[in-house]
Amino acid sequence: MRSKPLDWTALTLVIIGAVNWGLIGFFKLDLIATLFGGMESWLSRIIYAIIGLAGLYCLSLFGKSSNDAYRNQDSYSDNNRYRDAVSND
């Protein structure tokens, strides 16, 4: 079973990474490197690695959301079948 706080933390880190990539693309500004001592800094590299791991973890959320949608679709269909069976009686 997955932990909701872990999902939210990973999603937050991925968003931070996406914003950083947007800043790099639009303004040539690497905010993480600027705040934590450049690309050579071990602290910056640790932050990049954590954000990368969060991105890999978020890949698993695709499967989770697909399974949830599939389960919801099945329960909706089951409810309709039950309603139809009861209304035909």
PDB file of N, CA and C in Angstrom:
ATOM      1  N   MET A   1       0.841  -1.181   0.000  1.00  0.00           N
ATOM      2  CA  MET A   1       0.000   0.000   0.000  1.00  0.00           C
ATOM      3  C   MET A   1       0.888   1.247   0.000  1.00  0.00           C
ATOM      4  N   ARG A   2       0.520   2.211  -0.787  1.00  0.00           N
ATOM      5  CA  ARG A   2       1.318   3.431  -0.894  1.00  0.00           C
ATOM      6  C   ARG A   2       0.868   4.452   0.127  1.00  0.00           C
ATOM      7  N   SER A   3       1.807   5.266   0.500  1.00  0.00           N
ATOM      8  CA  SER A   3       1.547   6.304   1.478  1.00  0.00           C
ATOM      9  C   SER A   3       1.180   7.604   0.765  1.00  0.00           C
ATOM     10  N   LYS A   4       0.070   8.196   1.133  1.00  0.00           N
ATOM     11  CA  LYS A   4      -0.338   9.466   0.528  1.00  0.00           C
ATOM     12  C   LYS A   4       0.684  10.584   0.752  1.00  0.00           C
ATOM     13  N   PRO A   5       1.246  10.725   1.972  1.00  0.00           N
ATOM     14  CA  PRO A   5       2.252  11.790   2.141  1.00  0.00           C
ATOM     15  C   PRO A   5       3.464  11.607   1.219  1.00  0.00           C
ATOM     16  N   LEU A   6       3.856  10.354   0.980  1.00  0.00           N
ATOM     17  CA  LEU A   6       4.973  10.113   0.065  1.00  0.00           C
ATOM     18  C   LEU A   6       4.591  10.524  -1.358  1.00  0.00           C
ATOM     19  N   ASP A   7       3.367  10.231  -1.772  1.00  0.00           N
ATOM     20  CA  ASP A   7       2.898  10.646  -3.098  1.00  0.00           C
ATOM     21  C   ASP A   7       2.945  12.161  -3.241  1.00  0.00           C
ATOM     22  N   TRP A   8       2.440  12.868  -2.233  1.00  0.00           N
ATOM     23  CA  TRP A   8       2.408  14.334  -2.297  1.00  0.00           C
ATOM     24  C   TRP A   8       3.811  14.932  -2.264  1.00  0.00           C
ATOM     25  N   THR A   9       4.693  14.343  -1.454  1.00  0.00           N
ATOM     26  CA  THR A   9       6.076  14.830  -1.390  1.00  0.00           C
ATOM     27  C   THR A   9       6.766  14.644  -2.733  1.00  0.00           C
ATOM     28  N   ALA A  10       6.609  13.474  -3.318  1.00  0.00           N
ATOM     29  CA  ALA A  10       7.228  13.209  -4.621  1.00  0.00           C
ATOM     30  C   ALA A  10       6.671  14.153  -5.682  1.00  0.00           C
ATOM     31  N   LEU A  11       5.364  14.344  -5.676  1.00  0.00           N
ATOM     32  CA  LEU A  11       4.757  15.245  -6.653  1.00  0.00           C
ATOM     33  C   LEU A  11       5.268  16.673  -6.477  1.00  0.00           C
ATOM     34  N   THR A  12       5.418  17.118  -5.241  1.00  0.00           N
ATOM     35  CA  THR A  12       5.937  18.458  -4.971  1.00  0.00           C
ATOM     36  C   THR A  12       7.362  18.609  -5.496  1.00  0.00           C
ATOM     37  N   LEU A  13       8.191  17.589  -5.265  1.00  0.00           N
ATOM     38  CA  LEU A  13       9.571  17.637  -5.752  1.00  0.00           C
ATOM     39  C   LEU A  13       9.632  17.645  -7.276  1.00  0.00           C
ATOM     40  N   VAL A  14       8.758  16.890  -7.910  1.00  0.00           N
ATOM     41  CA  VAL A  14       8.727  16.872  -9.377  1.00  0.00           C
ATOM     42  C   VAL A  14       8.293  18.233  -9.913  1.00  0.00           C
ATOM     43  N   ILE A  15       7.362  18.872  -9.247  1.00  0.00           N
ATOM     44  CA  ILE A  15       6.938  20.208  -9.673  1.00  0.00           C
ATOM     45  C   ILE A  15       8.085  21.206  -9.515  1.00  0.00           C
ATOM     46  N   ILE A  16       8.824  21.113  -8.411  1.00  0.00           N
ATOM     47  CA  ILE A  16       9.990  21.981  -8.223  1.00  0.00           C
ATOM     48  C   ILE A  16      10.992  21.763  -9.356  1.00  0.00           C
ATOM     49  N   GLY A  17      11.226  20.502  -9.707  1.00  0.00           N
ATOM     50  CA  GLY A  17      12.130  20.201 -10.812  1.00  0.00           C
ATOM     51  C   GLY A  17      11.631  20.752 -12.135  1.00  0.00           C
ATOM     52  N   ALA A  18      10.322  20.657 -12.358  1.00  0.00           N
ATOM     53  CA  ALA A  18       9.750  21.172 -13.603  1.00  0.00           C
ATOM     54  C   ALA A  18       9.868  22.691 -13.682  1.00  0.00           C
ATOM     55  N   VAL A  19       9.622  23.355 -12.566  1.00  0.00           N
ATOM     56  CA  VAL A  19       9.773  24.820 -12.545  1.00  0.00           C
ATOM     57  C   VAL A  19      11.232  25.194 -12.802  1.00  0.00           C
ATOM     58  N   ASN A  20      12.156  24.448 -12.204  1.00  0.00           N
ATOM     59  CA  ASN A  20      13.581  24.725 -12.435  1.00  0.00           C
ATOM     60  C   ASN A  20      13.926  24.554 -13.918  1.00  0.00           C
ATOM     61  N   TRP A  21      13.424  23.479 -14.533  1.00  0.00           N
ATOM     62  CA  TRP A  21      13.679  23.283 -15.974  1.00  0.00           C
ATOM     63  C   TRP A  21      13.051  24.402 -16.807  1.00  0.00           C
ATOM     64  N   GLY A  22      11.883  24.869 -16.400  1.00  0.00           N
ATOM     65  CA  GLY A  22      11.263  26.001 -17.106  1.00  0.00           C
ATOM     66  C   GLY A  22      12.109  27.251 -17.011  1.00  0.00           C
ATOM     67  N   LEU A  23      12.656  27.507 -15.823  1.00  0.00           N
ATOM     68  CA  LEU A  23      13.535  28.669 -15.656  1.00  0.00           C
ATOM     69  C   LEU A  23      14.795  28.540 -16.497  1.00  0.00           C
ATOM     70  N   ILE A  24      15.326  27.324 -16.583  1.00  0.00           N
ATOM     71  CA  ILE A  24      16.507  27.104 -17.422  1.00  0.00           C
ATOM     72  C   ILE A  24      16.159  27.363 -18.886  1.00  0.00           C
ATOM     73  N   GLY A  25      15.019  26.844 -19.320  1.00  0.00           N
ATOM     74  CA  GLY A  25      14.620  26.991 -20.720  1.00  0.00           C
ATOM     75  C   GLY A  25      14.298  28.418 -21.119  1.00  0.00           C
ATOM     76  N   PHE A  26      13.601  29.136 -20.258  1.00  0.00           N
ATOM     77  CA  PHE A  26      13.171  30.484 -20.611  1.00  0.00           C
ATOM     78  C   PHE A  26      14.211  31.562 -20.302  1.00  0.00           C
ATOM     79  N   PHE A  27      14.931  31.396 -19.183  1.00  0.00           N
ATOM     80  CA  PHE A  27      15.801  32.476 -18.720  1.00  0.00           C
ATOM     81  C   PHE A  27      17.262  32.070 -18.517  1.00  0.00           C
ATOM     82  N   LYS A  28      17.608  30.825 -18.846  1.00  0.00           N
ATOM     83  CA  LYS A  28      18.959  30.305 -18.613  1.00  0.00           C
ATOM     84  C   LYS A  28      19.363  30.482 -17.147  1.00  0.00           C
ATOM     85  N   LEU A  29      18.407  30.260 -16.248  1.00  0.00           N
ATOM     86  CA  LEU A  29      18.626  30.405 -14.817  1.00  0.00           C
ATOM     87  C   LEU A  29      18.364  29.069 -14.139  1.00  0.00           C
ATOM     88  N   ASP A  30      19.407  28.460 -13.616  1.00  0.00           N
ATOM     89  CA  ASP A  30      19.273  27.220 -12.852  1.00  0.00           C
ATOM     90  C   ASP A  30      19.144  27.624 -11.386  1.00  0.00           C
ATOM     91  N   LEU A  31      17.924  27.706 -10.905  1.00  0.00           N
ATOM     92  CA  LEU A  31      17.652  28.214  -9.567  1.00  0.00           C
ATOM     93  C   LEU A  31      18.267  27.329  -8.483  1.00  0.00           C
ATOM     94  N   ILE A  32      18.201  26.024  -8.662  1.00  0.00           N
ATOM     95  CA  ILE A  32      18.774  25.112  -7.663  1.00  0.00           C
ATOM     96  C   ILE A  32      20.281  25.320  -7.562  1.00  0.00           C
ATOM     97  N   ALA A  33      20.947  25.400  -8.695  1.00  0.00           N
ATOM     98  CA  ALA A  33      22.394  25.636  -8.682  1.00  0.00           C
ATOM     99  C   ALA A  33      22.721  26.997  -8.086  1.00  0.00           C
ATOM    100  N   THR A  34      21.908  27.999  -8.398  1.00  0.00           N
ATOM    101  CA  THR A  34      22.139  29.339  -7.870  1.00  0.00           C
ATOM    102  C   THR A  34      21.989  29.367  -6.354  1.00  0.00           C
ATOM    103  N   LEU A  35      20.962  28.698  -5.848  1.00  0.00           N
ATOM    104  CA  LEU A  35      20.708  28.715  -4.403  1.00  0.00           C
ATOM    105  C   LEU A  35      21.671  27.847  -3.602  1.00  0.00           C
ATOM    106  N   PHE A  36      22.145  26.772  -4.206  1.00  0.00           N
ATOM    107  CA  PHE A  36      22.910  25.795  -3.436  1.00  0.00           C
ATOM    108  C   PHE A  36      24.355  25.633  -3.884  1.00  0.00           C
ATOM    109  N   GLY A  37      24.905  26.602  -4.571  1.00  0.00           N
ATOM    110  CA  GLY A  37      26.343  26.617  -4.812  1.00  0.00           C
ATOM    111  C   GLY A  37      26.818  26.099  -6.146  1.00  0.00           C
ATOM    112  N   GLY A  38      26.004  26.127  -7.158  1.00  0.00           N
ATOM    113  CA  GLY A  38      26.444  25.721  -8.490  1.00  0.00           C
ATOM    114  C   GLY A  38      26.354  24.229  -8.731  1.00  0.00           C
ATOM    115  N   MET A  39      26.587  23.849  -9.983  1.00  0.00           N
ATOM    116  CA  MET A  39      26.493  22.446 -10.382  1.00  0.00           C
ATOM    117  C   MET A  39      27.557  21.576  -9.722  1.00  0.00           C
ATOM    118  N   GLU A  40      28.660  22.170  -9.338  1.00  0.00           N
ATOM    119  CA  GLU A  40      29.752  21.403  -8.744  1.00  0.00           C
ATOM    120  C   GLU A  40      29.512  21.111  -7.271  1.00  0.00           C
ATOM    121  N   SER A  41      28.586  21.826  -6.658  1.00  0.00           N
ATOM    122  CA  SER A  41      28.305  21.659  -5.237  1.00  0.00           C
ATOM    123  C   SER A  41      27.677  20.294  -4.963  1.00  0.00           C
ATOM    124  N   TRP A  42      28.155  19.630  -3.920  1.00  0.00           N
ATOM    125  CA  TRP A  42      27.596  18.322  -3.574  1.00  0.00           C
ATOM    126  C   TRP A  42      26.151  18.468  -3.116  1.00  0.00           C
ATOM    127  N   LEU A  43      25.795  19.604  -2.495  1.00  0.00           N
ATOM    128  CA  LEU A  43      24.426  19.826  -2.051  1.00  0.00           C
ATOM    129  C   LEU A  43      23.468  19.936  -3.244  1.00  0.00           C
ATOM    130  N   SER A  44      23.876  20.652  -4.267  1.00  0.00           N
ATOM    131  CA  SER A  44      23.054  20.748  -5.479  1.00  0.00           C
ATOM    132  C   SER A  44      22.865  19.373  -6.112  1.00  0.00           C
ATOM    133  N   ARG A  45      23.920  18.608  -6.176  1.00  0.00           N
ATOM    134  CA  ARG A  45      23.834  17.277  -6.782  1.00  0.00           C
ATOM    135  C   ARG A  45      22.919  16.363  -5.989  1.00  0.00           C
ATOM    136  N   ILE A  46      22.930  16.483  -4.660  1.00  0.00           N
ATOM    137  CA  ILE A  46      22.018  15.680  -3.837  1.00  0.00           C
ATOM    138  C   ILE A  46      20.572  16.083  -4.112  1.00  0.00           C
ATOM    139  N   ILE A  47      20.319  17.377  -4.210  1.00  0.00           N
ATOM    140  CA  ILE A  47      18.958  17.855  -4.494  1.00  0.00           C
ATOM    141  C   ILE A  47      18.503  17.376  -5.872  1.00  0.00           C
ATOM    142  N   TYR A  48      19.375  17.470  -6.874  1.00  0.00           N
ATOM    143  CA  TYR A  48      19.027  16.960  -8.204  1.00  0.00           C
ATOM    144  C   TYR A  48      18.715  15.466  -8.145  1.00  0.00           C
ATOM    145  N   ALA A  49      19.508  14.713  -7.395  1.00  0.00           N
ATOM    146  CA  ALA A  49      19.294  13.267  -7.286  1.00  0.00           C
ATOM    147  C   ALA A  49      17.966  12.954  -6.606  1.00  0.00           C
ATOM    148  N   ILE A  50      17.626  13.689  -5.553  1.00  0.00           N
ATOM    149  CA  ILE A  50      16.357  13.467  -4.855  1.00  0.00           C
ATOM    150  C   ILE A  50      15.189  13.783  -5.776  1.00  0.00           C
ATOM    151  N   ILE A  51      15.293  14.872  -6.523  1.00  0.00           N
ATOM    152  CA  ILE A  51      14.223  15.217  -7.465  1.00  0.00           C
ATOM    153  C   ILE A  51      14.119  14.158  -8.558  1.00  0.00           C
ATOM    154  N   GLY A  52      15.242  13.640  -9.012  1.00  0.00           N
ATOM    155  CA  GLY A  52      15.227  12.562 -10.003  1.00  0.00           C
ATOM    156  C   GLY A  52      14.567  11.304  -9.470  1.00  0.00           C
ATOM    157  N   LEU A  53      14.865  10.938  -8.224  1.00  0.00           N
ATOM    158  CA  LEU A  53      14.227   9.768  -7.613  1.00  0.00           C
ATOM    159  C   LEU A  53      12.716   9.992  -7.455  1.00  0.00           C
ATOM    160  N   ALA A  54      12.343  11.221  -7.103  1.00  0.00           N
ATOM    161  CA  ALA A  54      10.915  11.537  -6.994  1.00  0.00           C
ATOM    162  C   ALA A  54      10.230  11.385  -8.353  1.00  0.00           C
ATOM    163  N   GLY A  55      10.916  11.785  -9.415  1.00  0.00           N
ATOM    164  CA  GLY A  55      10.359  11.615 -10.767  1.00  0.00           C
ATOM    165  C   GLY A  55      10.164  10.152 -11.109  1.00  0.00           C
ATOM    166  N   LEU A  56      11.141   9.320 -10.748  1.00  0.00           N
ATOM    167  CA  LEU A  56      10.998   7.884 -11.000  1.00  0.00           C
ATOM    168  C   LEU A  56       9.847   7.298 -10.183  1.00  0.00           C
ATOM    169  N   TYR A  57       9.717   7.742  -8.947  1.00  0.00           N
ATOM    170  CA  TYR A  57       8.606   7.269  -8.117  1.00  0.00           C
ATOM    171  C   TYR A  57       7.264   7.691  -8.722  1.00  0.00           C
ATOM    172  N   CYS A  58       7.201   8.910  -9.251  1.00  0.00           N
ATOM    173  CA  CYS A  58       5.941   9.398  -9.830  1.00  0.00           C
ATOM    174  C   CYS A  58       5.541   8.603 -11.068  1.00  0.00           C
ATOM    175  N   LEU A  59       6.488   7.950 -11.718  1.00  0.00           N
ATOM    176  CA  LEU A  59       6.118   7.063 -12.829  1.00  0.00           C
ATOM    177  C   LEU A  59       5.181   5.965 -12.361  1.00  0.00           C
ATOM    178  N   SER A  60       5.376   5.500 -11.135  1.00  0.00           N
ATOM    179  CA  SER A  60       4.504   4.448 -10.606  1.00  0.00           C
ATOM    180  C   SER A  60       3.096   4.972 -10.332  1.00  0.00           C
ATOM    181  N   LEU A  61       2.944   6.286 -10.181  1.00  0.00           N
ATOM    182  CA  LEU A  61       1.616   6.852  -9.932  1.00  0.00           C
ATOM    183  C   LEU A  61       0.725   6.744 -11.168  1.00  0.00           C
ATOM    184  N   PHE A  62       1.331   6.654 -12.357  1.00  0.00           N
ATOM    185  CA  PHE A  62       0.534   6.451 -13.564  1.00  0.00           C
ATOM    186  C   PHE A  62      -0.234   5.144 -13.472  1.00  0.00           C
ATOM    187  N   GLY A  63       0.446   4.089 -13.082  1.00  0.00           N
ATOM    188  CA  GLY A  63      -0.212   2.799 -12.924  1.00  0.00           C
ATOM    189  C   GLY A  63      -1.263   2.831 -11.842  1.00  0.00           C
ATOM    190  N   LYS A  64      -0.979   3.535 -10.753  1.00  0.00           N
ATOM    191  CA  LYS A  64      -1.932   3.635  -9.655  1.00  0.00           C
ATOM    192  C   LYS A  64      -3.201   4.362 -10.097  1.00  0.00           C
ATOM    193  N   SER A  65      -3.047   5.471 -10.815  1.00  0.00           N
ATOM    194  CA  SER A  65      -4.225   6.220 -11.255  1.00  0.00           C
ATOM    195  C   SER A  65      -5.004   5.438 -12.307  1.00  0.00           C
ATOM    196  N   SER A  66      -4.317   4.678 -13.147  1.00  0.00           N
ATOM    197  CA  SER A  66      -5.010   3.856 -14.140  1.00  0.00           C
ATOM    198  C   SER A  66      -5.819   2.762 -13.459  1.00  0.00           C
ATOM    199  N   ASN A  67      -5.226   2.133 -12.453  1.00  0.00           N
ATOM    200  CA  ASN A  67      -5.951   1.089 -11.722  1.00  0.00           C
ATOM    201  C   ASN A  67      -7.145   1.654 -10.988  1.00  0.00           C
ATOM    202  N   ASP A  68      -7.005   2.833 -10.380  1.00  0.00           N
ATOM    203  CA  ASP A  68      -8.120   3.460  -9.677  1.00  0.00           C
ATOM    204  C   ASP A  68      -9.241   3.800 -10.649  1.00  0.00           C
ATOM    205  N   ALA A  69      -8.898   4.331 -11.814  1.00  0.00           N
ATOM    206  CA  ALA A  69      -9.913   4.670 -12.808  1.00  0.00           C
ATOM    207  C   ALA A  69     -10.615   3.409 -13.300  1.00  0.00           C
ATOM    208  N   TYR A  70      -9.856   2.340 -13.494  1.00  0.00           N
ATOM    209  CA  TYR A  70     -10.443   1.083 -13.948  1.00  0.00           C
ATOM    210  C   TYR A  70     -11.388   0.526 -12.891  1.00  0.00           C
ATOM    211  N   ARG A  71     -10.978   0.567 -11.624  1.00  0.00           N
ATOM    212  CA  ARG A  71     -11.842   0.078 -10.550  1.00  0.00           C
ATOM    213  C   ARG A  71     -13.104   0.908 -10.454  1.00  0.00           C
ATOM    214  N   ASN A  72     -12.992   2.232 -10.570  1.00  0.00           N
ATOM    215  CA  ASN A  72     -14.165   3.095 -10.506  1.00  0.00           C
ATOM    216  C   ASN A  72     -15.111   2.811 -11.669  1.00  0.00           C
ATOM    217  N   GLN A  73     -14.559   2.543 -12.846  1.00  0.00           N
ATOM    218  CA  GLN A  73     -15.382   2.241 -14.006  1.00  0.00           C
ATOM    219  C   GLN A  73     -16.122   0.926 -13.782  1.00  0.00           C
ATOM    220  N   ASP A  74     -15.451  -0.081 -13.232  1.00  0.00           N
ATOM    221  CA  ASP A  74     -16.092  -1.356 -12.959  1.00  0.00           C
ATOM    222  C   ASP A  74     -17.194  -1.211 -11.923  1.00  0.00           C
ATOM    223  N   SER A  75     -16.954  -0.469 -10.850  1.00  0.00           N
ATOM    224  CA  SER A  75     -17.977  -0.316  -9.821  1.00  0.00           C
ATOM    225  C   SER A  75     -19.163   0.470 -10.371  1.00  0.00           C
ATOM    226  N   TYR A  76     -18.912   1.429 -11.261  1.00  0.00           N
ATOM    227  CA  TYR A  76     -19.997   2.174 -11.880  1.00  0.00           C
ATOM    228  C   TYR A  76     -20.844   1.243 -12.733  1.00  0.00           C
ATOM    229  N   SER A  77     -20.188   0.378 -13.491  1.00  0.00           N
ATOM    230  CA  SER A  77     -20.919  -0.572 -14.328  1.00  0.00           C
ATOM    231  C   SER A  77     -21.710  -1.545 -13.471  1.00  0.00           C
ATOM    232  N   ASP A  78     -21.136  -2.011 -12.368  1.00  0.00           N
ATOM    233  CA  ASP A  78     -21.835  -2.920 -11.472  1.00  0.00           C
ATOM    234  C   ASP A  78     -23.057  -2.247 -10.866  1.00  0.00           C
ATOM    235  N   ASN A  79     -22.923  -0.976 -10.497  1.00  0.00           N
ATOM    236  CA  ASN A  79     -24.067  -0.242  -9.947  1.00  0.00           C
ATOM    237  C   ASN A  79     -25.175  -0.105 -10.977  1.00  0.00           C
ATOM    238  N   ASN A  80     -24.819   0.164 -12.219  1.00  0.00           N
ATOM    239  CA  ASN A  80     -25.829   0.280 -13.266  1.00  0.00           C
ATOM    240  C   ASN A  80     -26.526  -1.050 -13.513  1.00  0.00           C
ATOM    241  N   ARG A  81     -25.762  -2.132 -13.523  1.00  0.00           N
ATOM    242  CA  ARG A  81     -26.372  -3.450 -13.703  1.00  0.00           C
ATOM    243  C   ARG A  81     -27.335  -3.758 -12.569  1.00  0.00           C
ATOM    244  N   TYR A  82     -26.937  -3.438 -11.339  1.00  0.00           N
ATOM    245  CA  TYR A  82     -27.803  -3.688 -10.194  1.00  0.00           C
ATOM    246  C   TYR A  82     -29.076  -2.848 -10.300  1.00  0.00           C
ATOM    247  N   ARG A  83     -28.933  -1.573 -10.648  1.00  0.00           N
ATOM    248  CA  ARG A  83     -30.084  -0.692 -10.785  1.00  0.00           C
ATOM    249  C   ARG A  83     -31.025  -1.203 -11.881  1.00  0.00           C
ATOM    250  N   ASP A  84     -30.448  -1.638 -13.010  1.00  0.00           N
ATOM    251  CA  ASP A  84     -31.267  -2.153 -14.092  1.00  0.00           C
ATOM    252  C   ASP A  84     -31.989  -3.432 -13.684  1.00  0.00           C
ATOM    253  N   ALA A  85     -31.313  -4.288 -12.942  1.00  0.00           N
ATOM    254  CA  ALA A  85     -31.934  -5.546 -12.502  1.00  0.00           C
ATOM    255  C   ALA A  85     -33.067  -5.268 -11.547  1.00  0.00           C
ATOM    256  N   VAL A  86     -32.901  -4.309 -10.645  1.00  0.00           N
ATOM    257  CA  VAL A  86     -33.937  -3.986  -9.668  1.00  0.00           C
ATOM    258  C   VAL A  86     -35.113  -3.310 -10.358  1.00  0.00           C
ATOM    259  N   SER A  87     -34.856  -2.431 -11.308  1.00  0.00           N
ATOM    260  CA  SER A  87     -35.943  -1.720 -11.973  1.00  0.00           C
ATOM    261  C   SER A  87     -36.743  -2.627 -12.897  1.00  0.00           C
ATOM    262  N   ASN A  88     -36.157  -3.715 -13.366  1.00  0.00           N
ATOM    263  CA  ASN A  88     -36.879  -4.646 -14.241  1.00  0.00           C
ATOM    264  C   ASN A  88     -37.796  -5.556 -13.445  1.00  0.00           C
ATOM    265  N   ASP A  89     -37.624  -5.656 -12.142  1.00  0.00           N
ATOM    266  CA  ASP A  89     -38.467  -6.551 -11.310  1.00  0.00           C
ATOM    267  C   ASP A  89     -39.824  -5.998 -11.084  1.00  0.00           C
TER     268      ASP A  89
END
